[in-house]
């Protein structure tokens, strides 16, 4: 009788040990998946912010002359206007955030700007622009995170 009772206790002990090991394994997998998800989200946010900022800065650096860059507020939206001339014709590139998208629109001066016509570049929440003392500040907000970049407007050709 003792021997039979001892075997059932051994079996229960092994079963409890197996359950504990299984629960620990599941906890490690769950924690690892949470860390992985947080890392992926952080990398995606960083990529989006960096890419959008680099895009705007590169477009701005192509037109560094103070006279070629203008900020307009159209329907409570800050719009970066980059004025250029091609083959004796005047064009403006409009860069702005509308309906959760960073957008760009290149049109000639003969055409009226309509924010709905811009090409969506990538997701963005808001863009704030300011020019003071030939220094352009660009504050871009994506996923409730903001980053401000500055460009000195001193070079380029008119």
Protein backbone atom coordinates (compact mmCIF):
# COMPACT_ATOMS: atom_id res chain seq x y z
CA UNK A 1 0.00 0.00 0.00
CA UNK A 2 2.78 2.43 0.75
CA UNK A 3 4.40 1.72 -2.54
CA UNK A 4 1.23 2.48 -4.54
CA UNK A 5 0.69 5.75 -2.63
CA UNK A 6 4.29 6.78 -3.24
CA UNK A 7 3.91 6.35 -7.01
CA UNK A 8 0.86 8.61 -7.18
CA UNK A 9 2.73 11.34 -5.27
CA UNK A 10 5.66 11.01 -7.66
CA UNK A 11 3.29 11.30 -10.60
CA UNK A 12 1.59 14.42 -9.14
CA UNK A 13 4.99 15.98 -8.42
CA UNK A 14 6.19 15.38 -12.00
CA UNK A 15 2.88 16.70 -13.37
CA UNK A 16 3.13 19.87 -11.24
CA UNK A 17 6.75 20.35 -12.29
CA UNK A 18 5.76 19.97 -15.95
CA UNK A 19 2.93 22.51 -15.54
CA UNK A 20 5.28 24.98 -13.84
CA UNK A 21 7.86 24.58 -16.61
CA UNK A 22 5.15 25.04 -19.27
CA UNK A 23 3.83 28.20 -17.60
CA UNK A 24 7.35 29.64 -17.34
CA UNK A 25 7.97 28.88 -21.01
CA UNK A 26 4.73 30.59 -22.02
CA UNK A 27 5.59 33.61 -19.86
CA UNK A 28 9.01 33.93 -21.54
CA UNK A 29 7.43 33.69 -25.01
CA UNK A 30 4.79 36.30 -24.08
CA UNK A 31 7.37 38.72 -22.67
CA UNK A 32 9.56 38.21 -25.74
CA UNK A 33 6.66 38.96 -28.08
CA UNK A 34 5.86 42.16 -26.17
CA UNK A 35 9.48 43.31 -26.40
CA UNK A 36 9.56 42.48 -30.12
CA UNK A 37 6.31 44.40 -30.76
CA UNK A 38 7.58 47.44 -28.88
CA UNK A 39 10.87 47.34 -30.79
CA UNK A 40 9.12 47.08 -34.17
CA UNK A 41 6.78 49.98 -33.32
CA UNK A 42 9.70 52.15 -32.19
CA UNK A 43 11.64 51.37 -35.36
CA UNK A 44 8.62 52.10 -37.58
CA UNK A 45 7.99 55.44 -35.85
CA UNK A 46 11.65 56.38 -36.13
CA UNK A 47 11.73 55.37 -39.81
CA UNK A 48 8.58 57.35 -40.60
CA UNK A 49 9.79 60.45 -38.78
CA UNK A 50 13.27 60.31 -40.28
CA UNK A 51 12.05 59.62 -43.81
CA UNK A 52 9.45 62.40 -43.75
CA UNK A 53 11.90 64.93 -42.29
CA UNK A 54 14.61 63.96 -44.77
CA UNK A 55 12.14 64.27 -47.64
CA UNK A 56 11.07 67.79 -46.65
CA UNK A 57 14.64 68.89 -45.94
CA UNK A 58 15.90 67.59 -49.29
CA UNK A 59 13.12 69.38 -51.16
CA UNK A 60 13.90 72.56 -49.24
CA UNK A 61 17.64 72.30 -49.85
CA UNK A 62 17.01 72.15 -53.58
CA UNK A 63 15.60 75.70 -53.29
CA UNK A 64 17.73 77.34 -50.62
CA UNK A 65 17.30 80.90 -51.86
CA UNK A 66 15.27 82.94 -49.42
CA UNK A 67 13.13 84.34 -52.25
CA UNK A 68 12.19 80.87 -53.50
CA UNK A 69 10.69 79.62 -50.22
CA UNK A 70 7.42 80.84 -48.79
CA UNK A 71 5.09 79.71 -46.03
CA UNK A 72 1.36 80.07 -46.53
CA UNK A 73 -1.55 79.17 -44.29
CA UNK A 74 -4.40 77.77 -46.36
CA UNK A 75 -7.54 76.61 -44.53
CA UNK A 76 -5.58 76.45 -41.22
CA UNK A 77 -2.92 74.24 -42.83
CA UNK A 78 0.74 75.33 -42.95
CA UNK A 79 1.97 74.94 -46.52
CA UNK A 80 5.60 75.06 -47.61
CA UNK A 81 5.77 76.70 -51.05
CA UNK A 82 8.90 76.17 -53.13
CA UNK A 83 8.95 78.45 -56.17
CA UNK A 84 10.92 77.33 -59.22
CA UNK A 85 11.20 78.16 -62.92
CA UNK A 86 11.55 75.65 -65.76
CA UNK A 87 11.91 76.80 -69.35
CA UNK A 88 10.73 80.34 -68.60
CA UNK A 89 7.60 79.02 -66.79
CA UNK A 90 6.97 79.52 -63.07
CA UNK A 91 6.01 76.52 -60.92
CA UNK A 92 5.38 76.01 -57.23
CA UNK A 93 5.80 72.84 -55.22
CA UNK A 94 3.42 72.76 -52.25
CA UNK A 95 4.32 70.47 -49.33
CA UNK A 96 1.71 70.13 -46.58
CA UNK A 97 -0.16 67.72 -44.31
CA UNK A 98 -3.79 67.04 -45.16
CA UNK A 99 -6.09 64.22 -44.00
CA UNK A 100 -3.31 62.46 -42.09
CA UNK A 101 -0.93 62.42 -45.06
CA UNK A 102 2.17 64.37 -45.97
CA UNK A 103 1.40 65.59 -49.48
CA UNK A 104 3.15 67.26 -52.37
CA UNK A 105 1.68 69.13 -55.30
CA UNK A 106 3.65 70.66 -58.19
CA UNK A 107 1.63 73.10 -60.29
CA UNK A 108 2.25 76.11 -62.52
CA UNK A 109 1.35 79.58 -61.34
CA UNK A 110 -1.64 79.56 -63.71
CA UNK A 111 -3.38 76.80 -61.74
CA UNK A 112 -5.11 77.35 -58.40
CA UNK A 113 -3.85 75.31 -55.46
CA UNK A 114 -6.32 72.70 -54.19
CA UNK A 115 -5.14 70.66 -51.23
CA UNK A 116 -7.12 67.58 -52.30
CA UNK A 117 -5.00 67.24 -55.46
CA UNK A 118 -1.70 66.65 -53.69
CA UNK A 119 0.10 63.32 -54.01
CA UNK A 120 0.19 61.44 -50.69
CA UNK A 121 3.78 60.75 -49.68
CA UNK A 122 3.39 59.10 -46.28
CA UNK A 123 1.39 59.28 -43.05
CA UNK A 124 1.79 62.39 -40.91
CA UNK A 125 -0.36 64.12 -38.32
CA UNK A 126 0.73 67.76 -38.50
CA UNK A 127 3.39 70.07 -39.86
CA UNK A 128 4.21 73.51 -38.45
CA UNK A 129 6.41 75.94 -40.36
CA UNK A 130 8.11 79.18 -39.42
CA UNK A 131 10.67 81.47 -41.06
CA UNK A 132 12.56 83.90 -38.86
CA UNK A 133 15.79 85.66 -39.77
CA UNK A 134 16.25 83.45 -42.86
CA UNK A 135 15.98 80.30 -40.71
CA UNK A 136 13.23 77.87 -41.66
CA UNK A 137 11.95 75.67 -38.84
CA UNK A 138 9.92 72.59 -39.70
CA UNK A 139 8.10 70.74 -36.93
CA UNK A 140 6.62 67.46 -38.08
CA UNK A 141 4.31 65.34 -35.91
CA UNK A 142 3.82 61.64 -36.64
CA UNK A 143 2.07 59.27 -34.20
CA UNK A 144 2.04 61.96 -31.50
CA UNK A 145 5.83 62.37 -31.69
CA UNK A 146 7.29 65.65 -32.92
CA UNK A 147 10.64 66.50 -34.41
CA UNK A 148 11.88 69.95 -35.37
CA UNK A 149 14.42 70.57 -38.12
CA UNK A 150 16.07 73.82 -39.14
CA UNK A 151 17.34 75.00 -42.52
CA UNK A 152 19.32 78.18 -43.13
CA UNK A 153 17.98 79.95 -46.22
CA UNK A 154 21.05 81.70 -47.54
CA UNK A 155 22.23 79.97 -50.73
CA UNK A 156 20.82 78.83 -54.02
CA UNK A 157 20.03 80.63 -57.22
CA UNK A 158 17.06 82.90 -57.74
